[in-house]
PDB file of N, CA and C in Angstrom:
ATOM      1  N   MET A   1      82.874 105.040  92.579  1.00  0.00           N
ATOM      2  CA  MET A   1      82.521 103.640  92.662  1.00  0.00           C
ATOM      3  C   MET A   1      82.695 103.203  94.109  1.00  0.00           C
ATOM      4  N   LYS A   2      81.698 102.467  94.626  1.00  0.00           N
ATOM      5  CA  LYS A   2      81.762 101.971  95.990  1.00  0.00           C
ATOM      6  C   LYS A   2      82.139 100.494  95.992  1.00  0.00           C
ATOM      7  N   LEU A   3      83.070 100.149  96.875  1.00  0.00           N
ATOM      8  CA  LEU A   3      83.492  98.764  97.066  1.00  0.00           C
ATOM      9  C   LEU A   3      83.348  98.414  98.540  1.00  0.00           C
ATOM     10  N   THR A   4      82.962  97.183  98.812  1.00  0.00           N
ATOM     11  CA  THR A   4      82.822  96.724 100.187  1.00  0.00           C
ATOM     12  C   THR A   4      83.781  95.568 100.419  1.00  0.00           C
ATOM     13  N   TYR A   5      84.683  95.749 101.371  1.00  0.00           N
ATOM     14  CA  TYR A   5      85.698  94.744 101.695  1.00  0.00           C
ATOM     15  C   TYR A   5      85.480  94.210 103.115  1.00  0.00           C
ATOM     16  N   VAL A   6      85.819  92.942 103.300  1.00  0.00           N
ATOM     17  CA  VAL A   6      85.846  92.342 104.635  1.00  0.00           C
ATOM     18  C   VAL A   6      87.161  92.760 105.290  1.00  0.00           C
ATOM     19  N   VAL A   7      87.101  93.075 106.576  1.00  0.00           N
ATOM     20  CA  VAL A   7      88.304  93.375 107.345  1.00  0.00           C
ATOM     21  C   VAL A   7      88.371  92.441 108.546  1.00  0.00           C
ATOM     22  N   THR A   8      89.597  92.150 108.951  1.00  0.00           N
ATOM     23  CA  THR A   8      89.856  91.329 110.126  1.00  0.00           C
ATOM     24  C   THR A   8      90.360  92.260 111.222  1.00  0.00           C
ATOM     25  N   LEU A   9      89.672  92.252 112.337  1.00  0.00           N
ATOM     26  CA  LEU A   9      89.956  93.165 113.434  1.00  0.00           C
ATOM     27  C   LEU A   9      90.405  92.342 114.634  1.00  0.00           C
ATOM     28  N   GLU A  10      91.665  92.526 115.059  1.00  0.00           N
ATOM     29  CA  GLU A  10      92.197  91.787 116.208  1.00  0.00           C
ATOM     30  C   GLU A  10      92.269  92.706 117.414  1.00  0.00           C
ATOM     31  N   GLU A  11      91.755  92.205 118.537  1.00  0.00           N
ATOM     32  CA  GLU A  11      91.739  92.960 119.782  1.00  0.00           C
ATOM     33  C   GLU A  11      92.999  92.625 120.572  1.00  0.00           C
ATOM     34  N   LEU A  12      93.960  93.538 120.544  1.00  0.00           N
ATOM     35  CA  LEU A  12      95.240  93.346 121.199  1.00  0.00           C
ATOM     36  C   LEU A  12      95.237  94.022 122.570  1.00  0.00           C
ATOM     37  N   PRO A  13      96.262  93.790 123.385  1.00  0.00           N
ATOM     38  CA  PRO A  13      96.252  94.364 124.737  1.00  0.00           C
ATOM     39  C   PRO A  13      96.128  95.881 124.777  1.00  0.00           C
ATOM     40  N   ASN A  14      96.744  96.591 123.822  1.00  0.00           N
ATOM     41  CA  ASN A  14      96.751  98.053 123.889  1.00  0.00           C
ATOM     42  C   ASN A  14      96.007  98.750 122.762  1.00  0.00           C
ATOM     43  N   ASN A  15      95.533  97.992 121.784  1.00  0.00           N
ATOM     44  CA  ASN A  15      94.838  98.619 120.663  1.00  0.00           C
ATOM     45  C   ASN A  15      94.140  97.553 119.837  1.00  0.00           C
ATOM     46  N   PHE A  16      93.593  97.975 118.721  1.00  0.00           N
ATOM     47  CA  PHE A  16      92.971  97.077 117.757  1.00  0.00           C
ATOM     48  C   PHE A  16      93.789  97.158 116.473  1.00  0.00           C
ATOM     49  N   SER A  17      94.075  96.017 115.897  1.00  0.00           N
ATOM     50  CA  SER A  17      94.796  95.932 114.637  1.00  0.00           C
ATOM     51  C   SER A  17      93.810  95.446 113.587  1.00  0.00           C
ATOM     52  N   VAL A  18      93.855  96.038 112.410  1.00  0.00           N
ATOM     53  CA  VAL A  18      92.892  95.677 111.379  1.00  0.00           C
ATOM     54  C   VAL A  18      93.595  95.565 110.026  1.00  0.00           C
ATOM     55  N   CYS A  19      93.171  94.569 109.249  1.00  0.00           N
ATOM     56  CA  CYS A  19      93.739  94.387 107.912  1.00  0.00           C
ATOM     57  C   CYS A  19      92.625  94.022 106.936  1.00  0.00           C
ATOM     58  N   VAL A  20      92.957  94.151 105.657  1.00  0.00           N
ATOM     59  CA  VAL A  20      92.021  93.839 104.585  1.00  0.00           C
ATOM     60  C   VAL A  20      92.583  92.630 103.831  1.00  0.00           C
ATOM     61  N   PRO A  21      92.015  91.431 104.018  1.00  0.00           N
ATOM     62  CA  PRO A  21      92.576  90.243 103.368  1.00  0.00           C
ATOM     63  C   PRO A  21      92.699  90.347 101.852  1.00  0.00           C
ATOM     64  N   ASP A  22      91.792  91.044 101.203  1.00  0.00           N
ATOM     65  CA  ASP A  22      91.830  91.152  99.741  1.00  0.00           C
ATOM     66  C   ASP A  22      92.810  92.211  99.234  1.00  0.00           C
ATOM     67  N   VAL A  23      93.391  92.990 100.141  1.00  0.00           N
ATOM     68  CA  VAL A  23      94.322  94.049  99.744  1.00  0.00           C
ATOM     69  C   VAL A  23      95.593  93.897 100.589  1.00  0.00           C
ATOM     70  N   PRO A  24      96.491  93.019 100.171  1.00  0.00           N
ATOM     71  CA  PRO A  24      97.716  92.785 100.948  1.00  0.00           C
ATOM     72  C   PRO A  24      98.464  94.090 101.221  1.00  0.00           C
ATOM     73  N   GLY A  25      98.897  94.223 102.455  1.00  0.00           N
ATOM     74  CA  GLY A  25      99.642  95.411 102.849  1.00  0.00           C
ATOM     75  C   GLY A  25      98.778  96.538 103.369  1.00  0.00           C
ATOM     76  N   CYS A  26      97.479  96.405 103.277  1.00  0.00           N
ATOM     77  CA  CYS A  26      96.584  97.449 103.773  1.00  0.00           C
ATOM     78  C   CYS A  26      96.208  97.115 105.210  1.00  0.00           C
ATOM     79  N   VAL A  27      96.850  97.818 106.150  1.00  0.00           N
ATOM     80  CA  VAL A  27      96.654  97.577 107.577  1.00  0.00           C
ATOM     81  C   VAL A  27      96.533  98.900 108.309  1.00  0.00           C
ATOM     82  N   SER A  28      95.984  98.849 109.509  1.00  0.00           N
ATOM     83  CA  SER A  28      95.888 100.040 110.339  1.00  0.00           C
ATOM     84  C   SER A  28      95.651  99.603 111.780  1.00  0.00           C
ATOM     85  N   THR A  29      95.652 100.574 112.673  1.00  0.00           N
ATOM     86  CA  THR A  29      95.366 100.319 114.084  1.00  0.00           C
ATOM     87  C   THR A  29      94.504 101.447 114.619  1.00  0.00           C
ATOM     88  N   GLY A  30      93.962 101.227 115.793  1.00  0.00           N
ATOM     89  CA  GLY A  30      93.217 102.256 116.490  1.00  0.00           C
ATOM     90  C   GLY A  30      93.106 101.902 117.952  1.00  0.00           C
ATOM     91  N   LYS A  31      92.957 102.897 118.800  1.00  0.00           N
ATOM     92  CA  LYS A  31      92.834 102.644 120.239  1.00  0.00           C
ATOM     93  C   LYS A  31      91.520 101.957 120.580  1.00  0.00           C
ATOM     94  N   THR A  32      90.483 102.227 119.787  1.00  0.00           N
ATOM     95  CA  THR A  32      89.184 101.597 119.994  1.00  0.00           C
ATOM     96  C   THR A  32      88.786 100.865 118.714  1.00  0.00           C
ATOM     97  N   ARG A  33      87.790 100.017 118.839  1.00  0.00           N
ATOM     98  CA  ARG A  33      87.280  99.303 117.667  1.00  0.00           C
ATOM     99  C   ARG A  33      86.791 100.292 116.606  1.00  0.00           C
ATOM    100  N   GLU A  34      86.058 101.302 117.054  1.00  0.00           N
ATOM    101  CA  GLU A  34      85.506 102.291 116.134  1.00  0.00           C
ATOM    102  C   GLU A  34      86.608 103.062 115.433  1.00  0.00           C
ATOM    103  N   GLU A  35      87.639 103.468 116.187  1.00  0.00           N
ATOM    104  CA  GLU A  35      88.741 104.204 115.587  1.00  0.00           C
ATOM    105  C   GLU A  35      89.491 103.324 114.577  1.00  0.00           C
ATOM    106  N   ALA A  36      89.688 102.055 114.919  1.00  0.00           N
ATOM    107  CA  ALA A  36      90.388 101.145 114.002  1.00  0.00           C
ATOM    108  C   ALA A  36      89.613 100.994 112.690  1.00  0.00           C
ATOM    109  N   LEU A  37      88.294 100.894 112.783  1.00  0.00           N
ATOM    110  CA  LEU A  37      87.487 100.762 111.569  1.00  0.00           C
ATOM    111  C   LEU A  37      87.521 102.039 110.735  1.00  0.00           C
ATOM    112  N   GLU A  38      87.508 103.188 111.386  1.00  0.00           N
ATOM    113  CA  GLU A  38      87.622 104.458 110.655  1.00  0.00           C
ATOM    114  C   GLU A  38      88.981 104.562 109.974  1.00  0.00           C
ATOM    115  N   MET A  39      90.031 104.171 110.696  1.00  0.00           N
ATOM    116  CA  MET A  39      91.388 104.277 110.162  1.00  0.00           C
ATOM    117  C   MET A  39      91.598 103.334 108.972  1.00  0.00           C
ATOM    118  N   ILE A  40      91.018 102.112 109.048  1.00  0.00           N
ATOM    119  CA  ILE A  40      91.216 101.191 107.924  1.00  0.00           C
ATOM    120  C   ILE A  40      90.436 101.665 106.706  1.00  0.00           C
ATOM    121  N   GLN A  41      89.319 102.302 106.925  1.00  0.00           N
ATOM    122  CA  GLN A  41      88.557 102.831 105.797  1.00  0.00           C
ATOM    123  C   GLN A  41      89.381 103.905 105.076  1.00  0.00           C
ATOM    124  N   GLU A  42      90.027 104.777 105.841  1.00  0.00           N
ATOM    125  CA  GLU A  42      90.906 105.792 105.253  1.00  0.00           C
ATOM    126  C   GLU A  42      92.095 105.145 104.562  1.00  0.00           C
ATOM    127  N   ALA A  43      92.727 104.191 105.230  1.00  0.00           N
ATOM    128  CA  ALA A  43      93.901 103.520 104.666  1.00  0.00           C
ATOM    129  C   ALA A  43      93.539 102.791 103.378  1.00  0.00           C
ATOM    130  N   LEU A  44      92.385 102.154 103.365  1.00  0.00           N
ATOM    131  CA  LEU A  44      91.946 101.413 102.190  1.00  0.00           C
ATOM    132  C   LEU A  44      91.731 102.355 101.003  1.00  0.00           C
ATOM    133  N   ALA A  45      91.054 103.462 101.231  1.00  0.00           N
ATOM    134  CA  ALA A  45      90.831 104.430 100.144  1.00  0.00           C
ATOM    135  C   ALA A  45      92.168 104.938  99.620  1.00  0.00           C
ATOM    136  N   PHE A  46      93.072 105.290 100.519  1.00  0.00           N
ATOM    137  CA  PHE A  46      94.387 105.788 100.121  1.00  0.00           C
ATOM    138  C   PHE A  46      95.159 104.720  99.338  1.00  0.00           C
ATOM    139  N   HIS A  47      95.129 103.493  99.835  1.00  0.00           N
ATOM    140  CA  HIS A  47      95.849 102.378  99.205  1.00  0.00           C
ATOM    141  C   HIS A  47      95.331 102.135  97.781  1.00  0.00           C
ATOM    142  N   LEU A  48      94.021 102.070  97.625  1.00  0.00           N
ATOM    143  CA  LEU A  48      93.434 101.798  96.310  1.00  0.00           C
ATOM    144  C   LEU A  48      93.698 102.942  95.333  1.00  0.00           C
ATOM    145  N   GLU A  49      93.581 104.174  95.814  1.00  0.00           N
ATOM    146  CA  GLU A  49      93.849 105.313  94.941  1.00  0.00           C
ATOM    147  C   GLU A  49      95.320 105.337  94.516  1.00  0.00           C
ATOM    148  N   ALA A  50      96.229 104.962  95.414  1.00  0.00           N
ATOM    149  CA  ALA A  50      97.653 104.903  95.062  1.00  0.00           C
ATOM    150  C   ALA A  50      97.913 103.817  94.027  1.00  0.00           C
ATOM    151  N   MET A  51      97.236 102.684  94.166  1.00  0.00           N
ATOM    152  CA  MET A  51      97.375 101.617  93.181  1.00  0.00           C
ATOM    153  C   MET A  51      96.956 102.118  91.798  1.00  0.00           C
ATOM    154  N   MET A  52      95.819 102.801  91.756  1.00  0.00           N
ATOM    155  CA  MET A  52      95.328 103.293  90.472  1.00  0.00           C
ATOM    156  C   MET A  52      96.251 104.362  89.902  1.00  0.00           C
ATOM    157  N   ALA A  53      96.829 105.185  90.763  1.00  0.00           N
ATOM    158  CA  ALA A  53      97.778 106.196  90.296  1.00  0.00           C
ATOM    159  C   ALA A  53      99.006 105.538  89.673  1.00  0.00           C
ATOM    160  N   ASP A  54      99.329 104.326  90.140  1.00  0.00           N
ATOM    161  CA  ASP A  54     100.447 103.560  89.583  1.00  0.00           C
ATOM    162  C   ASP A  54     100.034 102.709  88.384  1.00  0.00           C
ATOM    163  N   GLY A  55      98.778 102.864  87.930  1.00  0.00           N
ATOM    164  CA  GLY A  55      98.316 102.134  86.757  1.00  0.00           C
ATOM    165  C   GLY A  55      97.763 100.749  87.049  1.00  0.00           C
ATOM    166  N   GLU A  56      97.550 100.432  88.325  1.00  0.00           N
ATOM    167  CA  GLU A  56      96.998  99.128  88.705  1.00  0.00           C
ATOM    168  C   GLU A  56      95.504  99.252  88.989  1.00  0.00           C
ATOM    169  N   LEU A  57      94.781  98.190  88.709  1.00  0.00           N
ATOM    170  CA  LEU A  57      93.375  98.146  89.091  1.00  0.00           C
ATOM    171  C   LEU A  57      93.257  97.691  90.540  1.00  0.00           C
ATOM    172  N   PRO A  58      92.272  98.205  91.276  1.00  0.00           N
ATOM    173  CA  PRO A  58      92.100  97.742  92.654  1.00  0.00           C
ATOM    174  C   PRO A  58      91.676  96.275  92.669  1.00  0.00           C
ATOM    175  N   PRO A  59      92.167  95.515  93.640  1.00  0.00           N
ATOM    176  CA  PRO A  59      91.743  94.116  93.705  1.00  0.00           C
ATOM    177  C   PRO A  59      90.255  94.032  94.047  1.00  0.00           C
ATOM    178  N   PRO A  60      89.537  93.138  93.401  1.00  0.00           N
ATOM    179  CA  PRO A  60      88.108  93.035  93.698  1.00  0.00           C
ATOM    180  C   PRO A  60      87.897  92.433  95.090  1.00  0.00           C
ATOM    181  N   PRO A  61      86.847  92.858  95.765  1.00  0.00           N
ATOM    182  CA  PRO A  61      86.535  92.250  97.059  1.00  0.00           C
ATOM    183  C   PRO A  61      85.984  90.837  96.826  1.00  0.00           C
ATOM    184  N   THR A  62      86.751  89.833  97.171  1.00  0.00           N
ATOM    185  CA  THR A  62      86.317  88.451  96.950  1.00  0.00           C
ATOM    186  C   THR A  62      86.123  87.676  98.237  1.00  0.00           C
ATOM    187  N   THR A  63      86.762  88.105  99.318  1.00  0.00           N
ATOM    188  CA  THR A  63      86.630  87.411 100.592  1.00  0.00           C
ATOM    189  C   THR A  63      85.319  87.803 101.250  1.00  0.00           C
ATOM    190  N   ASP A  64      84.567  86.801 101.707  1.00  0.00           N
ATOM    191  CA  ASP A  64      83.389  87.126 102.507  1.00  0.00           C
ATOM    192  C   ASP A  64      83.711  86.797 103.967  1.00  0.00           C
ATOM    193  N   ILE A  65      82.817  87.158 104.853  1.00  0.00           N
ATOM    194  CA  ILE A  65      83.081  86.967 106.280  1.00  0.00           C
ATOM    195  C   ILE A  65      83.284  85.490 106.607  1.00  0.00           C
ATOM    196  N   ASP A  66      82.531  84.593 105.995  1.00  0.00           N
ATOM    197  CA  ASP A  66      82.722  83.162 106.257  1.00  0.00           C
ATOM    198  C   ASP A  66      84.122  82.704 105.866  1.00  0.00           C
ATOM    199  N   ASP A  67      84.633  83.189 104.723  1.00  0.00           N
ATOM    200  CA  ASP A  67      85.999  82.855 104.308  1.00  0.00           C
ATOM    201  C   ASP A  67      87.018  83.363 105.330  1.00  0.00           C
ATOM    202  N   ALA A  68      86.833  84.597 105.787  1.00  0.00           N
ATOM    203  CA  ALA A  68      87.766  85.185 106.756  1.00  0.00           C
ATOM    204  C   ALA A  68      87.742  84.414 108.070  1.00  0.00           C
ATOM    205  N   VAL A  69      86.558  84.039 108.520  1.00  0.00           N
ATOM    206  CA  VAL A  69      86.445  83.261 109.756  1.00  0.00           C
ATOM    207  C   VAL A  69      87.153  81.923 109.590  1.00  0.00           C
ATOM    208  N   ALA A  70      86.937  81.241 108.472  1.00  0.00           N
ATOM    209  CA  ALA A  70      87.568  79.943 108.231  1.00  0.00           C
ATOM    210  C   ALA A  70      89.087  80.070 108.218  1.00  0.00           C
ATOM    211  N   HIS A  71      89.587  81.133 107.614  1.00  0.00           N
ATOM    212  CA  HIS A  71      91.036  81.344 107.537  1.00  0.00           C
ATOM    213  C   HIS A  71      91.644  81.559 108.924  1.00  0.00           C
ATOM    214  N   HIS A  72      90.887  82.152 109.837  1.00  0.00           N
ATOM    215  CA  HIS A  72      91.394  82.470 111.177  1.00  0.00           C
ATOM    216  C   HIS A  72      90.928  81.487 112.246  1.00  0.00           C
ATOM    217  N   SER A  73      90.412  80.332 111.849  1.00  0.00           N
ATOM    218  CA  SER A  73      89.847  79.422 112.847  1.00  0.00           C
ATOM    219  C   SER A  73      90.896  78.587 113.573  1.00  0.00           C
ATOM    220  N   GLY A  74      92.101  78.525 113.053  1.00  0.00           N
ATOM    221  CA  GLY A  74      93.151  77.738 113.692  1.00  0.00           C
ATOM    222  C   GLY A  74      93.748  78.473 114.877  1.00  0.00           C
ATOM    223  N   PRO A  75      94.604  77.778 115.610  1.00  0.00           N
ATOM    224  CA  PRO A  75      95.255  78.434 116.752  1.00  0.00           C
ATOM    225  C   PRO A  75      96.218  79.523 116.286  1.00  0.00           C
ATOM    226  N   VAL A  76      96.422  80.502 117.138  1.00  0.00           N
ATOM    227  CA  VAL A  76      97.353  81.581 116.843  1.00  0.00           C
ATOM    228  C   VAL A  76      98.771  81.015 116.960  1.00  0.00           C
ATOM    229  N   PRO A  77      99.618  81.218 115.953  1.00  0.00           N
ATOM    230  CA  PRO A  77     100.984  80.693 116.014  1.00  0.00           C
ATOM    231  C   PRO A  77     101.729  81.190 117.257  1.00  0.00           C
ATOM    232  N   GLU A  78     102.580  80.346 117.795  1.00  0.00           N
ATOM    233  CA  GLU A  78     103.312  80.656 119.027  1.00  0.00           C
ATOM    234  C   GLU A  78     104.147  81.935 118.911  1.00  0.00           C
ATOM    235  N   ASP A  79     104.789  82.153 117.762  1.00  0.00           N
ATOM    236  CA  ASP A  79     105.604  83.359 117.616  1.00  0.00           C
ATOM    237  C   ASP A  79     104.746  84.622 117.631  1.00  0.00           C
ATOM    238  N   VAL A  80     103.530  84.523 117.125  1.00  0.00           N
ATOM    239  CA  VAL A  80     102.628  85.681 117.158  1.00  0.00           C
ATOM    240  C   VAL A  80     102.196  85.957 118.590  1.00  0.00           C
ATOM    241  N   LEU A  81     101.831  84.908 119.327  1.00  0.00           N
ATOM    242  CA  LEU A  81     101.433  85.091 120.725  1.00  0.00           C
ATOM    243  C   LEU A  81     102.573  85.678 121.555  1.00  0.00           C
ATOM    244  N   SER A  82     103.792  85.207 121.334  1.00  0.00           N
ATOM    245  CA  SER A  82     104.914  85.740 122.113  1.00  0.00           C
ATOM    246  C   SER A  82     105.161  87.201 121.752  1.00  0.00           C
ATOM    247  N   SER A  83     104.953  87.558 120.496  1.00  0.00           N
ATOM    248  CA  SER A  83     105.089  88.951 120.093  1.00  0.00           C
ATOM    249  C   SER A  83     104.048  89.814 120.791  1.00  0.00           C
ATOM    250  N   TYR A  84     102.802  89.332 120.849  1.00  0.00           N
ATOM    251  CA  TYR A  84     101.749  90.078 121.539  1.00  0.00           C
ATOM    252  C   TYR A  84     102.058  90.208 123.025  1.00  0.00           C
ATOM    253  N   ALA A  85     102.643  89.166 123.620  1.00  0.00           N
ATOM    254  CA  ALA A  85     102.956  89.177 125.043  1.00  0.00           C
ATOM    255  C   ALA A  85     103.941  90.289 125.386  1.00  0.00           C
ATOM    256  N   GLU A  86     104.821  90.629 124.447  1.00  0.00           N
ATOM    257  CA  GLU A  86     105.786  91.705 124.676  1.00  0.00           C
ATOM    258  C   GLU A  86     105.099  93.039 124.926  1.00  0.00           C
ATOM    259  N   PHE A  87     103.882  93.183 124.435  1.00  0.00           N
ATOM    260  CA  PHE A  87     103.167  94.445 124.558  1.00  0.00           C
ATOM    261  C   PHE A  87     102.060  94.387 125.601  1.00  0.00           C
ATOM    262  N   GLY A  88     102.199  93.487 126.571  1.00  0.00           N
ATOM    263  CA  GLY A  88     101.289  93.482 127.708  1.00  0.00           C
ATOM    264  C   GLY A  88     100.208  92.439 127.688  1.00  0.00           C
ATOM    265  N   GLY A  89     100.145  91.602 126.688  1.00  0.00           N
ATOM    266  CA  GLY A  89      99.120  90.570 126.654  1.00  0.00           C
ATOM    267  C   GLY A  89      99.735  89.199 126.816  1.00  0.00           C
ATOM    268  N   GLY A  90      99.082  88.348 127.560  1.00  0.00           N
ATOM    269  CA  GLY A  90      99.588  86.997 127.717  1.00  0.00           C
ATOM    270  C   GLY A  90      98.522  85.977 127.403  1.00  0.00           C
ATOM    271  N   ALA A  91      97.540  86.377 126.628  1.00  0.00           N
ATOM    272  CA  ALA A  91      96.404  85.499 126.353  1.00  0.00           C
ATOM    273  C   ALA A  91      96.805  84.344 125.450  1.00  0.00           C
ATOM    274  N   GLU A  92      96.069  83.248 125.568  1.00  0.00           N
ATOM    275  CA  GLU A  92      96.280  82.092 124.706  1.00  0.00           C
ATOM    276  C   GLU A  92      95.706  82.327 123.308  1.00  0.00           C
ATOM    277  N   THR A  93      94.781  83.246 123.218  1.00  0.00           N
ATOM    278  CA  THR A  93      94.134  83.544 121.944  1.00  0.00           C
ATOM    279  C   THR A  93      94.079  85.057 121.750  1.00  0.00           C
ATOM    280  N   VAL A  94      93.808  85.460 120.547  1.00  0.00           N
ATOM    281  CA  VAL A  94      93.638  86.872 120.225  1.00  0.00           C
ATOM    282  C   VAL A  94      92.196  87.038 119.746  1.00  0.00           C
ATOM    283  N   PRO A  95      91.376  87.778 120.501  1.00  0.00           N
ATOM    284  CA  PRO A  95      89.996  87.976 120.054  1.00  0.00           C
ATOM    285  C   PRO A  95      89.979  88.627 118.673  1.00  0.00           C
ATOM    286  N   THR A  96      89.306  87.975 117.737  1.00  0.00           N
ATOM    287  CA  THR A  96      89.263  88.443 116.359  1.00  0.00           C
ATOM    288  C   THR A  96      87.823  88.654 115.935  1.00  0.00           C
ATOM    289  N   HIS A  97      87.589  89.780 115.296  1.00  0.00           N
ATOM    290  CA  HIS A  97      86.254  90.146 114.818  1.00  0.00           C
ATOM    291  C   HIS A  97      86.340  90.370 113.310  1.00  0.00           C
ATOM    292  N   PHE A  98      85.231  90.222 112.654  1.00  0.00           N
ATOM    293  CA  PHE A  98      85.171  90.391 111.204  1.00  0.00           C
ATOM    294  C   PHE A  98      84.052  91.367 110.877  1.00  0.00           C
ATOM    295  N   GLU A  99      84.381  92.340 110.062  1.00  0.00           N
ATOM    296  CA  GLU A  99      83.437  93.392 109.698  1.00  0.00           C
ATOM    297  C   GLU A  99      83.550  93.631 108.196  1.00  0.00           C
ATOM    298  N   THR A 100      82.703  94.489 107.698  1.00  0.00           N
ATOM    299  CA  THR A 100      82.863  94.988 106.339  1.00  0.00           C
ATOM    300  C   THR A 100      83.006  96.500 106.404  1.00  0.00           C
ATOM    301  N   VAL A 101      83.791  97.033 105.487  1.00  0.00           N
ATOM    302  CA  VAL A 101      83.896  98.482 105.348  1.00  0.00           C
ATOM    303  C   VAL A 101      83.644  98.827 103.888  1.00  0.00           C
ATOM    304  N   GLU A 102      83.041  99.969 103.705  1.00  0.00           N
ATOM    305  CA  GLU A 102      82.746 100.436 102.355  1.00  0.00           C
ATOM    306  C   GLU A 102      83.643 101.631 102.065  1.00  0.00           C
ATOM    307  N   VAL A 103      84.179 101.649 100.864  1.00  0.00           N
ATOM    308  CA  VAL A 103      85.048 102.742 100.458  1.00  0.00           C
ATOM    309  C   VAL A 103      84.612 103.209  99.082  1.00  0.00           C
ATOM    310  N   GLU A 104      84.659 104.516  98.908  1.00  0.00           N
ATOM    311  CA  GLU A 104      84.316 105.078  97.595  1.00  0.00           C
ATOM    312  C   GLU A 104      85.602 105.586  96.953  1.00  0.00           C
ATOM    313  N   ILE A 105      85.832 105.118  95.731  1.00  0.00           N
ATOM    314  CA  ILE A 105      87.021 105.510  94.977  1.00  0.00           C
ATOM    315  C   ILE A 105      86.580 105.931  93.573  1.00  0.00           C
ATOM    316  N   PRO A 106      87.463 106.642  92.873  1.00  0.00           N
ATOM    317  CA  PRO A 106      87.112 106.998  91.480  1.00  0.00           C
ATOM    318  C   PRO A 106      86.937 105.736  90.646  1.00  0.00           C
ATOM    319  N   THR A 107      86.125 105.820  89.621  1.00  0.00           N
ATOM    320  CA  THR A 107      85.979 104.691  88.702  1.00  0.00           C
ATOM    321  C   THR A 107      87.351 104.380  88.124  1.00  0.00           C
ATOM    322  N   PRO A 108      87.786 103.108  88.159  1.00  0.00           N
ATOM    323  CA  PRO A 108      89.152 102.793  87.711  1.00  0.00           C
ATOM    324  C   PRO A 108      89.491 103.301  86.309  1.00  0.00           C
ATOM    325  N   GLN A 109      88.582 103.210  85.359  1.00  0.00           N
ATOM    326  CA  GLN A 109      88.882 103.652  83.997  1.00  0.00           C
ATOM    327  C   GLN A 109      89.220 105.152  83.986  1.00  0.00           C
ATOM    328  N   ALA A 110      88.434 105.936  84.729  1.00  0.00           N
ATOM    329  CA  ALA A 110      88.682 107.379  84.763  1.00  0.00           C
ATOM    330  C   ALA A 110      89.997 107.673  85.476  1.00  0.00           C
ATOM    331  N   ALA A 111      90.273 106.968  86.544  1.00  0.00           N
ATOM    332  CA  ALA A 111      91.501 107.202  87.299  1.00  0.00           C
ATOM    333  C   ALA A 111      92.721 106.795  86.484  1.00  0.00           C
ATOM    334  N   LEU A 112      92.621 105.679  85.778  1.00  0.00           N
ATOM    335  CA  LEU A 112      93.769 105.201  85.004  1.00  0.00           C
ATOM    336  C   LEU A 112      94.009 106.056  83.759  1.00  0.00           C
ATOM    337  N   ALA A 113      92.957 106.683  83.242  1.00  0.00           N
ATOM    338  CA  ALA A 113      93.103 107.511  82.045  1.00  0.00           C
ATOM    339  C   ALA A 113      93.698 108.873  82.363  1.00  0.00           C
ATOM    340  N   GLY A 114      93.478 109.342  83.587  1.00  0.00           N
ATOM    341  CA  GLY A 114      93.854 110.703  83.827  1.00  0.00           C
ATOM    342  C   GLY A 114      94.969 110.962  84.696  1.00  0.00           C
TER     343      GLY A 114
END
């Protein structure tokens, strides 16, 4: 079964950080944008398969890019900016990009049964 999730990609001073809003705790990083997207795709597949192994259904992809943009439209909190500054960045904002990634996982019924 193929699922398509929106990911939030933040361009930090030394790497790219990426998360999946619909799958709390599913995060990854990469030195380049492309590497970060590849890594989150792997992390997402692993995360969803682990959930199913624990008897949970994967969360449905419900966030669209417009929702993700709206959620991130406010200013970056001061504590987050100061944390980023520790790693070489002193920007007032964190460049944020929104993409979709597709992941193929076993059909939940088959995974949960076996």
